[in-house]
Amino acid sequence: ELRAWSDCTGERDHLIFYDGASTDDPVLVKYCGGDWLPRIISRGPVMLVAFHSSPFSVPLHAGGTKSPLRGFELDVDIVYSDSDSLDFSRNSRKCEFWINATNP
């Protein structure tokens, strides 16, 4: 079962996909678990993916240690459009990944 939008409360880790480079841009989807995500496509060459971690959902290491697991894994596929396609971005940009983390 895919969990998104209203199923994503503050007590869950969640991802928010923005259609642009900032959190002021429109939200494409808010996702917090379940099956594989459907394809998410931005209308331009930039998409912001924000990961929000809840302090209430920190799993413990297997093997008996009591320390919490930190971090996450996100697999990204980049789909290139044919230059004759309406999905093709005329403004060429390189693919960039920026990681920013804060510690409460």
PDB file of N, CA and C in Angstrom:
ATOM      1  N   GLU A   1       0.848  -1.186   0.000  1.00  0.00           N
ATOM      2  CA  GLU A   1       0.000   0.000   0.000  1.00  0.00           C
ATOM      3  C   GLU A   1       0.887   1.239   0.000  1.00  0.00           C
ATOM      4  N   LEU A   2       0.666   2.107  -0.934  1.00  0.00           N
ATOM      5  CA  LEU A   2       1.402   3.359  -1.045  1.00  0.00           C
ATOM      6  C   LEU A   2       0.821   4.360  -0.053  1.00  0.00           C
ATOM      7  N   ARG A   3       1.684   4.953   0.763  1.00  0.00           N
ATOM      8  CA  ARG A   3       1.217   5.957   1.724  1.00  0.00           C
ATOM      9  C   ARG A   3       1.695   7.334   1.260  1.00  0.00           C
ATOM     10  N   ALA A   4       0.752   8.233   1.079  1.00  0.00           N
ATOM     11  CA  ALA A   4       1.094   9.571   0.596  1.00  0.00           C
ATOM     12  C   ALA A   4       0.093  10.587   1.127  1.00  0.00           C
ATOM     13  N   TRP A   5       0.420  11.849   0.938  1.00  0.00           N
ATOM     14  CA  TRP A   5      -0.389  13.001   1.298  1.00  0.00           C
ATOM     15  C   TRP A   5      -0.917  12.946   2.719  1.00  0.00           C
ATOM     16  N   SER A   6      -2.208  12.737   2.944  1.00  0.00           N
ATOM     17  CA  SER A   6      -2.785  12.829   4.285  1.00  0.00           C
ATOM     18  C   SER A   6      -2.333  11.698   5.204  1.00  0.00           C
ATOM     19  N   ASP A   7      -1.797  10.604   4.642  1.00  0.00           N
ATOM     20  CA  ASP A   7      -1.276   9.519   5.473  1.00  0.00           C
ATOM     21  C   ASP A   7       0.060   9.892   6.108  1.00  0.00           C
ATOM     22  N   CYS A   8       0.703  10.937   5.638  1.00  0.00           N
ATOM     23  CA  CYS A   8       2.037  11.325   6.101  1.00  0.00           C
ATOM     24  C   CYS A   8       1.917  12.354   7.218  1.00  0.00           C
ATOM     25  N   THR A   9       1.954  11.890   8.444  1.00  0.00           N
ATOM     26  CA  THR A   9       1.874  12.778   9.603  1.00  0.00           C
ATOM     27  C   THR A   9       3.283  13.138  10.062  1.00  0.00           C
ATOM     28  N   GLY A  10       3.389  14.029  11.019  1.00  0.00           N
ATOM     29  CA  GLY A  10       4.685  14.447  11.546  1.00  0.00           C
ATOM     30  C   GLY A  10       5.443  13.347  12.253  1.00  0.00           C
ATOM     31  N   GLU A  11       4.767  12.252  12.607  1.00  0.00           N
ATOM     32  CA  GLU A  11       5.421  11.146  13.301  1.00  0.00           C
ATOM     33  C   GLU A  11       6.118  10.188  12.352  1.00  0.00           C
ATOM     34  N   ARG A  12       6.073  10.425  11.058  1.00  0.00           N
ATOM     35  CA  ARG A  12       6.686   9.526  10.068  1.00  0.00           C
ATOM     36  C   ARG A  12       7.788  10.246   9.304  1.00  0.00           C
ATOM     37  N   ASP A  13       8.803   9.465   8.905  1.00  0.00           N
ATOM     38  CA  ASP A  13       9.759   9.981   7.931  1.00  0.00           C
ATOM     39  C   ASP A  13       9.003  10.187   6.625  1.00  0.00           C
ATOM     40  N   HIS A  14       9.345  11.225   5.882  1.00  0.00           N
ATOM     41  CA  HIS A  14       8.666  11.428   4.604  1.00  0.00           C
ATOM     42  C   HIS A  14       9.542  12.207   3.625  1.00  0.00           C
ATOM     43  N   LEU A  15       9.217  12.052   2.364  1.00  0.00           N
ATOM     44  CA  LEU A  15       9.864  12.761   1.262  1.00  0.00           C
ATOM     45  C   LEU A  15       8.857  13.723   0.657  1.00  0.00           C
ATOM     46  N   ILE A  16       9.309  14.936   0.330  1.00  0.00           N
ATOM     47  CA  ILE A  16       8.468  15.887  -0.388  1.00  0.00           C
ATOM     48  C   ILE A  16       9.194  16.246  -1.678  1.00  0.00           C
ATOM     49  N   PHE A  17       8.516  16.079  -2.804  1.00  0.00           N
ATOM     50  CA  PHE A  17       9.068  16.384  -4.122  1.00  0.00           C
ATOM     51  C   PHE A  17       8.479  17.713  -4.587  1.00  0.00           C
ATOM     52  N   TYR A  18       9.349  18.694  -4.841  1.00  0.00           N
ATOM     53  CA  TYR A  18       8.929  20.023  -5.291  1.00  0.00           C
ATOM     54  C   TYR A  18       9.226  20.191  -6.778  1.00  0.00           C
ATOM     55  N   ASP A  19       8.342  20.869  -7.478  1.00  0.00           N
ATOM     56  CA  ASP A  19       8.497  21.116  -8.913  1.00  0.00           C
ATOM     57  C   ASP A  19       9.324  22.381  -9.129  1.00  0.00           C
ATOM     58  N   GLY A  20      10.571  22.342  -8.713  1.00  0.00           N
ATOM     59  CA  GLY A  20      11.476  23.478  -8.812  1.00  0.00           C
ATOM     60  C   GLY A  20      12.590  23.339  -7.798  1.00  0.00           C
ATOM     61  N   ALA A  21      13.319  24.427  -7.576  1.00  0.00           N
ATOM     62  CA  ALA A  21      14.521  24.385  -6.748  1.00  0.00           C
ATOM     63  C   ALA A  21      14.300  24.788  -5.295  1.00  0.00           C
ATOM     64  N   SER A  22      13.095  25.219  -4.931  1.00  0.00           N
ATOM     65  CA  SER A  22      12.895  25.662  -3.552  1.00  0.00           C
ATOM     66  C   SER A  22      11.594  25.109  -2.981  1.00  0.00           C
ATOM     67  N   THR A  23      11.465  25.243  -1.672  1.00  0.00           N
ATOM     68  CA  THR A  23      10.253  24.782  -0.995  1.00  0.00           C
ATOM     69  C   THR A  23       9.068  25.713  -1.254  1.00  0.00           C
ATOM     70  N   ASP A  24       9.305  26.831  -1.928  1.00  0.00           N
ATOM     71  CA  ASP A  24       8.210  27.717  -2.335  1.00  0.00           C
ATOM     72  C   ASP A  24       7.549  27.258  -3.631  1.00  0.00           C
ATOM     73  N   ASP A  25       8.198  26.331  -4.340  1.00  0.00           N
ATOM     74  CA  ASP A  25       7.639  25.806  -5.590  1.00  0.00           C
ATOM     75  C   ASP A  25       6.522  24.809  -5.290  1.00  0.00           C
ATOM     76  N   PRO A  26       5.654  24.513  -6.279  1.00  0.00           N
ATOM     77  CA  PRO A  26       4.542  23.580  -6.056  1.00  0.00           C
ATOM     78  C   PRO A  26       5.034  22.189  -5.638  1.00  0.00           C
ATOM     79  N   VAL A  27       4.264  21.555  -4.764  1.00  0.00           N
ATOM     80  CA  VAL A  27       4.575  20.194  -4.316  1.00  0.00           C
ATOM     81  C   VAL A  27       4.019  19.207  -5.334  1.00  0.00           C
ATOM     82  N   LEU A  28       4.882  18.315  -5.810  1.00  0.00           N
ATOM     83  CA  LEU A  28       4.445  17.271  -6.742  1.00  0.00           C
ATOM     84  C   LEU A  28       3.819  16.106  -5.986  1.00  0.00           C
ATOM     85  N   VAL A  29       4.476  15.666  -4.915  1.00  0.00           N
ATOM     86  CA  VAL A  29       3.947  14.567  -4.105  1.00  0.00           C
ATOM     87  C   VAL A  29       4.641  14.565  -2.746  1.00  0.00           C
ATOM     88  N   LYS A  30       3.905  14.123  -1.738  1.00  0.00           N
ATOM     89  CA  LYS A  30       4.451  13.897  -0.401  1.00  0.00           C
ATOM     90  C   LYS A  30       4.298  12.407  -0.133  1.00  0.00           C
ATOM     91  N   TYR A  31       5.402  11.737   0.156  1.00  0.00           N
ATOM     92  CA  TYR A  31       5.433  10.277   0.226  1.00  0.00           C
ATOM     93  C   TYR A  31       6.028   9.842   1.563  1.00  0.00           C
ATOM     94  N   CYS A  32       5.422   8.823   2.195  1.00  0.00           N
ATOM     95  CA  CYS A  32       5.941   8.375   3.487  1.00  0.00           C
ATOM     96  C   CYS A  32       5.985   6.860   3.638  1.00  0.00           C
ATOM     97  N   GLY A  33       5.964   6.117   2.571  1.00  0.00           N
ATOM     98  CA  GLY A  33       6.166   4.676   2.712  1.00  0.00           C
ATOM     99  C   GLY A  33       5.262   3.858   1.824  1.00  0.00           C
ATOM    100  N   GLY A  34       5.503   2.555   1.905  1.00  0.00           N
ATOM    101  CA  GLY A  34       4.706   1.632   1.123  1.00  0.00           C
ATOM    102  C   GLY A  34       5.458   1.108  -0.071  1.00  0.00           C
ATOM    103  N   ASP A  35       4.718   0.809  -1.113  1.00  0.00           N
ATOM    104  CA  ASP A  35       5.300   0.245  -2.326  1.00  0.00           C
ATOM    105  C   ASP A  35       6.148   1.281  -3.057  1.00  0.00           C
ATOM    106  N   TRP A  36       6.677   0.871  -4.199  1.00  0.00           N
ATOM    107  CA  TRP A  36       7.497   1.751  -5.021  1.00  0.00           C
ATOM    108  C   TRP A  36       6.711   2.984  -5.427  1.00  0.00           C
ATOM    109  N   LEU A  37       7.425   4.092  -5.497  1.00  0.00           N
ATOM    110  CA  LEU A  37       6.812   5.335  -5.958  1.00  0.00           C
ATOM    111  C   LEU A  37       6.483   5.262  -7.442  1.00  0.00           C
ATOM    112  N   PRO A  38       5.416   5.904  -7.851  1.00  0.00           N
ATOM    113  CA  PRO A  38       5.193   6.041  -9.292  1.00  0.00           C
ATOM    114  C   PRO A  38       6.219   7.026  -9.850  1.00  0.00           C
ATOM    115  N   ARG A  39       6.342   7.095 -11.152  1.00  0.00           N
ATOM    116  CA  ARG A  39       7.269   8.044 -11.776  1.00  0.00           C
ATOM    117  C   ARG A  39       6.828   9.465 -11.425  1.00  0.00           C
ATOM    118  N   ILE A  40       7.775  10.276 -10.998  1.00  0.00           N
ATOM    119  CA  ILE A  40       7.510  11.671 -10.655  1.00  0.00           C
ATOM    120  C   ILE A  40       8.285  12.529 -11.642  1.00  0.00           C
ATOM    121  N   ILE A  41       7.583  13.410 -12.342  1.00  0.00           N
ATOM    122  CA  ILE A  41       8.196  14.204 -13.400  1.00  0.00           C
ATOM    123  C   ILE A  41       7.979  15.681 -13.101  1.00  0.00           C
ATOM    124  N   SER A  42       9.060  16.444 -13.144  1.00  0.00           N
ATOM    125  CA  SER A  42       8.934  17.888 -12.970  1.00  0.00           C
ATOM    126  C   SER A  42       8.623  18.536 -14.315  1.00  0.00           C
ATOM    127  N   ARG A  43       8.109  19.757 -14.263  1.00  0.00           N
ATOM    128  CA  ARG A  43       7.792  20.476 -15.498  1.00  0.00           C
ATOM    129  C   ARG A  43       9.000  21.206 -16.063  1.00  0.00           C
ATOM    130  N   GLY A  44      10.077  21.220 -15.330  1.00  0.00           N
ATOM    131  CA  GLY A  44      11.286  21.903 -15.784  1.00  0.00           C
ATOM    132  C   GLY A  44      12.510  21.061 -15.488  1.00  0.00           C
ATOM    133  N   PRO A  45      13.690  21.643 -15.600  1.00  0.00           N
ATOM    134  CA  PRO A  45      14.921  20.880 -15.415  1.00  0.00           C
ATOM    135  C   PRO A  45      15.331  20.713 -13.952  1.00  0.00           C
ATOM    136  N   VAL A  46      14.552  21.250 -12.998  1.00  0.00           N
ATOM    137  CA  VAL A  46      14.946  21.217 -11.590  1.00  0.00           C
ATOM    138  C   VAL A  46      13.838  20.584 -10.756  1.00  0.00           C
ATOM    139  N   MET A  47      14.239  19.705  -9.826  1.00  0.00           N
ATOM    140  CA  MET A  47      13.309  19.119  -8.863  1.00  0.00           C
ATOM    141  C   MET A  47      14.026  19.062  -7.516  1.00  0.00           C
ATOM    142  N   LEU A  48      13.355  19.534  -6.471  1.00  0.00           N
ATOM    143  CA  LEU A  48      13.897  19.459  -5.118  1.00  0.00           C
ATOM    144  C   LEU A  48      13.243  18.286  -4.407  1.00  0.00           C
ATOM    145  N   VAL A  49      14.059  17.413  -3.808  1.00  0.00           N
ATOM    146  CA  VAL A  49      13.554  16.305  -3.004  1.00  0.00           C
ATOM    147  C   VAL A  49      14.010  16.557  -1.577  1.00  0.00           C
ATOM    148  N   ALA A  50      13.059  16.782  -0.673  1.00  0.00           N
ATOM    149  CA  ALA A  50      13.371  17.056   0.728  1.00  0.00           C
ATOM    150  C   ALA A  50      13.002  15.844   1.570  1.00  0.00           C
ATOM    151  N   PHE A  51      13.957  15.342   2.357  1.00  0.00           N
ATOM    152  CA  PHE A  51      13.731  14.211   3.250  1.00  0.00           C
ATOM    153  C   PHE A  51      13.580  14.754   4.659  1.00  0.00           C
ATOM    154  N   HIS A  52      12.462  14.443   5.289  1.00  0.00           N
ATOM    155  CA  HIS A  52      12.205  14.872   6.656  1.00  0.00           C
ATOM    156  C   HIS A  52      12.184  13.640   7.549  1.00  0.00           C
ATOM    157  N   SER A  53      13.044  13.635   8.545  1.00  0.00           N
ATOM    158  CA  SER A  53      13.142  12.490   9.447  1.00  0.00           C
ATOM    159  C   SER A  53      12.446  12.811  10.760  1.00  0.00           C
ATOM    160  N   SER A  54      11.647  11.878  11.221  1.00  0.00           N
ATOM    161  CA  SER A  54      10.941  12.032  12.478  1.00  0.00           C
ATOM    162  C   SER A  54      11.778  11.451  13.614  1.00  0.00           C
ATOM    163  N   PRO A  55      11.845  12.128  14.759  1.00  0.00           N
ATOM    164  CA  PRO A  55      12.577  11.558  15.896  1.00  0.00           C
ATOM    165  C   PRO A  55      11.867  10.347  16.497  1.00  0.00           C
ATOM    166  N   PHE A  56      10.624  10.113  16.092  1.00  0.00           N
ATOM    167  CA  PHE A  56       9.853   9.005  16.639  1.00  0.00           C
ATOM    168  C   PHE A  56       9.999   7.719  15.843  1.00  0.00           C
ATOM    169  N   SER A  57      10.673   7.746  14.711  1.00  0.00           N
ATOM    170  CA  SER A  57      10.751   6.544  13.873  1.00  0.00           C
ATOM    171  C   SER A  57      12.200   6.165  13.581  1.00  0.00           C
ATOM    172  N   VAL A  58      13.009   6.072  14.624  1.00  0.00           N
ATOM    173  CA  VAL A  58      14.416   5.722  14.469  1.00  0.00           C
ATOM    174  C   VAL A  58      14.584   4.240  14.787  1.00  0.00           C
ATOM    175  N   PRO A  59      14.824   3.389  13.774  1.00  0.00           N
ATOM    176  CA  PRO A  59      14.997   1.955  14.028  1.00  0.00           C
ATOM    177  C   PRO A  59      16.338   1.674  14.697  1.00  0.00           C
ATOM    178  N   LEU A  60      16.404   0.567  15.429  1.00  0.00           N
ATOM    179  CA  LEU A  60      17.639   0.169  16.098  1.00  0.00           C
ATOM    180  C   LEU A  60      18.421  -0.792  15.224  1.00  0.00           C
ATOM    181  N   HIS A  61      19.747  -0.846  15.452  1.00  0.00           N
ATOM    182  CA  HIS A  61      20.604  -1.794  14.737  1.00  0.00           C
ATOM    183  C   HIS A  61      20.188  -3.224  15.060  1.00  0.00           C
ATOM    184  N   ALA A  62      20.327  -4.114  14.079  1.00  0.00           N
ATOM    185  CA  ALA A  62      20.124  -5.541  14.330  1.00  0.00           C
ATOM    186  C   ALA A  62      21.335  -6.063  15.096  1.00  0.00           C
ATOM    187  N   GLY A  63      21.159  -7.125  15.814  1.00  0.00           N
ATOM    188  CA  GLY A  63      22.289  -7.728  16.512  1.00  0.00           C
ATOM    189  C   GLY A  63      22.410  -7.296  17.960  1.00  0.00           C
ATOM    190  N   GLY A  64      21.405  -6.623  18.492  1.00  0.00           N
ATOM    191  CA  GLY A  64      21.391  -6.349  19.909  1.00  0.00           C
ATOM    192  C   GLY A  64      21.947  -5.004  20.345  1.00  0.00           C
ATOM    193  N   THR A  65      22.627  -4.271  19.498  1.00  0.00           N
ATOM    194  CA  THR A  65      23.117  -2.973  19.939  1.00  0.00           C
ATOM    195  C   THR A  65      21.949  -2.006  20.053  1.00  0.00           C
ATOM    196  N   LYS A  66      22.040  -1.113  20.997  1.00  0.00           N
ATOM    197  CA  LYS A  66      20.936  -0.191  21.276  1.00  0.00           C
ATOM    198  C   LYS A  66      21.062   1.143  20.544  1.00  0.00           C
ATOM    199  N   SER A  67      22.108   1.311  19.726  1.00  0.00           N
ATOM    200  CA  SER A  67      22.270   2.590  19.035  1.00  0.00           C
ATOM    201  C   SER A  67      21.323   2.670  17.839  1.00  0.00           C
ATOM    202  N   PRO A  68      20.754   3.845  17.588  1.00  0.00           N
ATOM    203  CA  PRO A  68      19.824   3.983  16.464  1.00  0.00           C
ATOM    204  C   PRO A  68      20.546   4.019  15.128  1.00  0.00           C
ATOM    205  N   LEU A  69      19.838   3.576  14.084  1.00  0.00           N
ATOM    206  CA  LEU A  69      20.348   3.703  12.718  1.00  0.00           C
ATOM    207  C   LEU A  69      20.139   5.140  12.261  1.00  0.00           C
ATOM    208  N   ARG A  70      21.113   5.684  11.595  1.00  0.00           N
ATOM    209  CA  ARG A  70      21.012   7.054  11.092  1.00  0.00           C
ATOM    210  C   ARG A  70      21.134   7.047   9.577  1.00  0.00           C
ATOM    211  N   GLY A  71      20.448   7.953   8.901  1.00  0.00           N
ATOM    212  CA  GLY A  71      20.580   8.095   7.463  1.00  0.00           C
ATOM    213  C   GLY A  71      19.479   7.382   6.695  1.00  0.00           C
ATOM    214  N   PHE A  72      19.616   7.412   5.374  1.00  0.00           N
ATOM    215  CA  PHE A  72      18.642   6.782   4.496  1.00  0.00           C
ATOM    216  C   PHE A  72      19.290   6.514   3.158  1.00  0.00           C
ATOM    217  N   GLU A  73      18.618   5.723   2.345  1.00  0.00           N
ATOM    218  CA  GLU A  73      19.093   5.427   0.997  1.00  0.00           C
ATOM    219  C   GLU A  73      18.008   5.829   0.017  1.00  0.00           C
ATOM    220  N   LEU A  74      18.396   6.543  -1.025  1.00  0.00           N
ATOM    221  CA  LEU A  74      17.454   6.978  -2.046  1.00  0.00           C
ATOM    222  C   LEU A  74      18.050   6.659  -3.400  1.00  0.00           C
ATOM    223  N   ASP A  75      17.383   5.804  -4.156  1.00  0.00           N
ATOM    224  CA  ASP A  75      17.825   5.468  -5.509  1.00  0.00           C
ATOM    225  C   ASP A  75      17.153   6.417  -6.491  1.00  0.00           C
ATOM    226  N   VAL A  76      17.937   6.985  -7.387  1.00  0.00           N
ATOM    227  CA  VAL A  76      17.434   7.959  -8.350  1.00  0.00           C
ATOM    228  C   VAL A  76      17.728   7.474  -9.754  1.00  0.00           C
ATOM    229  N   ASP A  77      16.725   7.484 -10.601  1.00  0.00           N
ATOM    230  CA  ASP A  77      16.910   7.221 -12.027  1.00  0.00           C
ATOM    231  C   ASP A  77      16.672   8.526 -12.765  1.00  0.00           C
ATOM    232  N   ILE A  78      17.554   8.846 -13.662  1.00  0.00           N
ATOM    233  CA  ILE A  78      17.400  10.047 -14.468  1.00  0.00           C
ATOM    234  C   ILE A  78      16.981   9.610 -15.862  1.00  0.00           C
ATOM    235  N   VAL A  79      15.842  10.109 -16.308  1.00  0.00           N
ATOM    236  CA  VAL A  79      15.311   9.746 -17.612  1.00  0.00           C
ATOM    237  C   VAL A  79      15.592  10.896 -18.575  1.00  0.00           C
ATOM    238  N   TYR A  80      16.266  10.582 -19.642  1.00  0.00           N
ATOM    239  CA  TYR A  80      16.583  11.599 -20.645  1.00  0.00           C
ATOM    240  C   TYR A  80      15.510  11.589 -21.724  1.00  0.00           C
ATOM    241  N   SER A  81      15.117  12.773 -22.165  1.00  0.00           N
ATOM    242  CA  SER A  81      14.101  12.916 -23.207  1.00  0.00           C
ATOM    243  C   SER A  81      14.763  13.122 -24.558  1.00  0.00           C
ATOM    244  N   ASP A  82      14.112  12.620 -25.584  1.00  0.00           N
ATOM    245  CA  ASP A  82      14.562  12.858 -26.955  1.00  0.00           C
ATOM    246  C   ASP A  82      14.484  14.357 -27.241  1.00  0.00           C
ATOM    247  N   SER A  83      15.435  14.888 -27.985  1.00  0.00           N
ATOM    248  CA  SER A  83      15.467  16.333 -28.240  1.00  0.00           C
ATOM    249  C   SER A  83      14.265  16.818 -29.049  1.00  0.00           C
ATOM    250  N   ASP A  84      13.540  15.919 -29.697  1.00  0.00           N
ATOM    251  CA  ASP A  84      12.333  16.296 -30.433  1.00  0.00           C
ATOM    252  C   ASP A  84      11.074  16.202 -29.573  1.00  0.00           C
ATOM    253  N   SER A  85      11.219  15.701 -28.349  1.00  0.00           N
ATOM    254  CA  SER A  85      10.086  15.502 -27.455  1.00  0.00           C
ATOM    255  C   SER A  85       9.657  16.824 -26.818  1.00  0.00           C
ATOM    256  N   LEU A  86       8.377  16.929 -26.469  1.00  0.00           N
ATOM    257  CA  LEU A  86       7.887  18.104 -25.748  1.00  0.00           C
ATOM    258  C   LEU A  86       8.427  18.144 -24.323  1.00  0.00           C
ATOM    259  N   ASP A  87       8.920  16.998 -23.816  1.00  0.00           N
ATOM    260  CA  ASP A  87       9.483  16.938 -22.469  1.00  0.00           C
ATOM    261  C   ASP A  87      10.925  17.421 -22.413  1.00  0.00           C
ATOM    262  N   PHE A  88      11.537  17.668 -23.547  1.00  0.00           N
ATOM    263  CA  PHE A  88      12.952  18.043 -23.598  1.00  0.00           C
ATOM    264  C   PHE A  88      13.148  19.475 -23.103  1.00  0.00           C
ATOM    265  N   SER A  89      14.136  19.667 -22.230  1.00  0.00           N
ATOM    266  CA  SER A  89      14.461  20.994 -21.723  1.00  0.00           C
ATOM    267  C   SER A  89      15.516  21.634 -22.616  1.00  0.00           C
ATOM    268  N   ARG A  90      15.193  22.766 -23.190  1.00  0.00           N
ATOM    269  CA  ARG A  90      16.129  23.458 -24.089  1.00  0.00           C
ATOM    270  C   ARG A  90      17.291  24.096 -23.321  1.00  0.00           C
ATOM    271  N   ASN A  91      17.085  24.394 -22.053  1.00  0.00           N
ATOM    272  CA  ASN A  91      18.145  24.993 -21.238  1.00  0.00           C
ATOM    273  C   ASN A  91      18.967  23.874 -20.618  1.00  0.00           C
ATOM    274  N   SER A  92      20.101  23.574 -21.200  1.00  0.00           N
ATOM    275  CA  SER A  92      20.891  22.444 -20.708  1.00  0.00           C
ATOM    276  C   SER A  92      21.508  22.778 -19.355  1.00  0.00           C
ATOM    277  N   ARG A  93      21.404  21.811 -18.447  1.00  0.00           N
ATOM    278  CA  ARG A  93      21.988  21.924 -17.115  1.00  0.00           C
ATOM    279  C   ARG A  93      22.564  20.576 -16.761  1.00  0.00           C
ATOM    280  N   LYS A  94      23.557  20.594 -15.927  1.00  0.00           N
ATOM    281  CA  LYS A  94      24.102  19.324 -15.480  1.00  0.00           C
ATOM    282  C   LYS A  94      23.271  18.806 -14.311  1.00  0.00           C
ATOM    283  N   CYS A  95      23.338  17.516 -14.082  1.00  0.00           N
ATOM    284  CA  CYS A  95      22.609  16.899 -12.976  1.00  0.00           C
ATOM    285  C   CYS A  95      23.423  17.112 -11.700  1.00  0.00           C
ATOM    286  N   GLU A  96      22.817  17.737 -10.701  1.00  0.00           N
ATOM    287  CA  GLU A  96      23.511  18.032  -9.456  1.00  0.00           C
ATOM    288  C   GLU A  96      22.750  17.436  -8.288  1.00  0.00           C
ATOM    289  N   PHE A  97      23.488  16.957  -7.299  1.00  0.00           N
ATOM    290  CA  PHE A  97      22.914  16.449  -6.061  1.00  0.00           C
ATOM    291  C   PHE A  97      23.514  17.246  -4.913  1.00  0.00           C
ATOM    292  N   TRP A  98      22.678  17.867  -4.111  1.00  0.00           N
ATOM    293  CA  TRP A  98      23.125  18.632  -2.954  1.00  0.00           C
ATOM    294  C   TRP A  98      22.568  17.956  -1.708  1.00  0.00           C
ATOM    295  N   ILE A  99      23.429  17.721  -0.744  1.00  0.00           N
ATOM    296  CA  ILE A  99      23.015  17.104   0.517  1.00  0.00           C
ATOM    297  C   ILE A  99      23.165  18.149   1.612  1.00  0.00           C
ATOM    298  N   ASN A 100      22.096  18.370   2.357  1.00  0.00           N
ATOM    299  CA  ASN A 100      22.119  19.317   3.462  1.00  0.00           C
ATOM    300  C   ASN A 100      21.416  18.655   4.633  1.00  0.00           C
ATOM    301  N   ALA A 101      22.079  18.606   5.767  1.00  0.00           N
ATOM    302  CA  ALA A 101      21.486  17.968   6.937  1.00  0.00           C
ATOM    303  C   ALA A 101      21.630  18.883   8.140  1.00  0.00           C
ATOM    304  N   THR A 102      20.625  18.855   8.993  1.00  0.00           N
ATOM    305  CA  THR A 102      20.700  19.587  10.249  1.00  0.00           C
ATOM    306  C   THR A 102      20.496  18.603  11.375  1.00  0.00           C
ATOM    307  N   ASN A 103      21.086  18.875  12.491  1.00  0.00           N
ATOM    308  CA  ASN A 103      20.981  18.000  13.657  1.00  0.00           C
ATOM    309  C   ASN A 103      20.233  18.761  14.737  1.00  0.00           C
ATOM    310  N   PRO A 104      19.084  18.240  15.190  1.00  0.00           N
ATOM    311  CA  PRO A 104      18.294  18.979  16.193  1.00  0.00           C
ATOM    312  C   PRO A 104      19.001  19.095  17.517  1.00  0.00           C
TER     313      PRO A 104
END
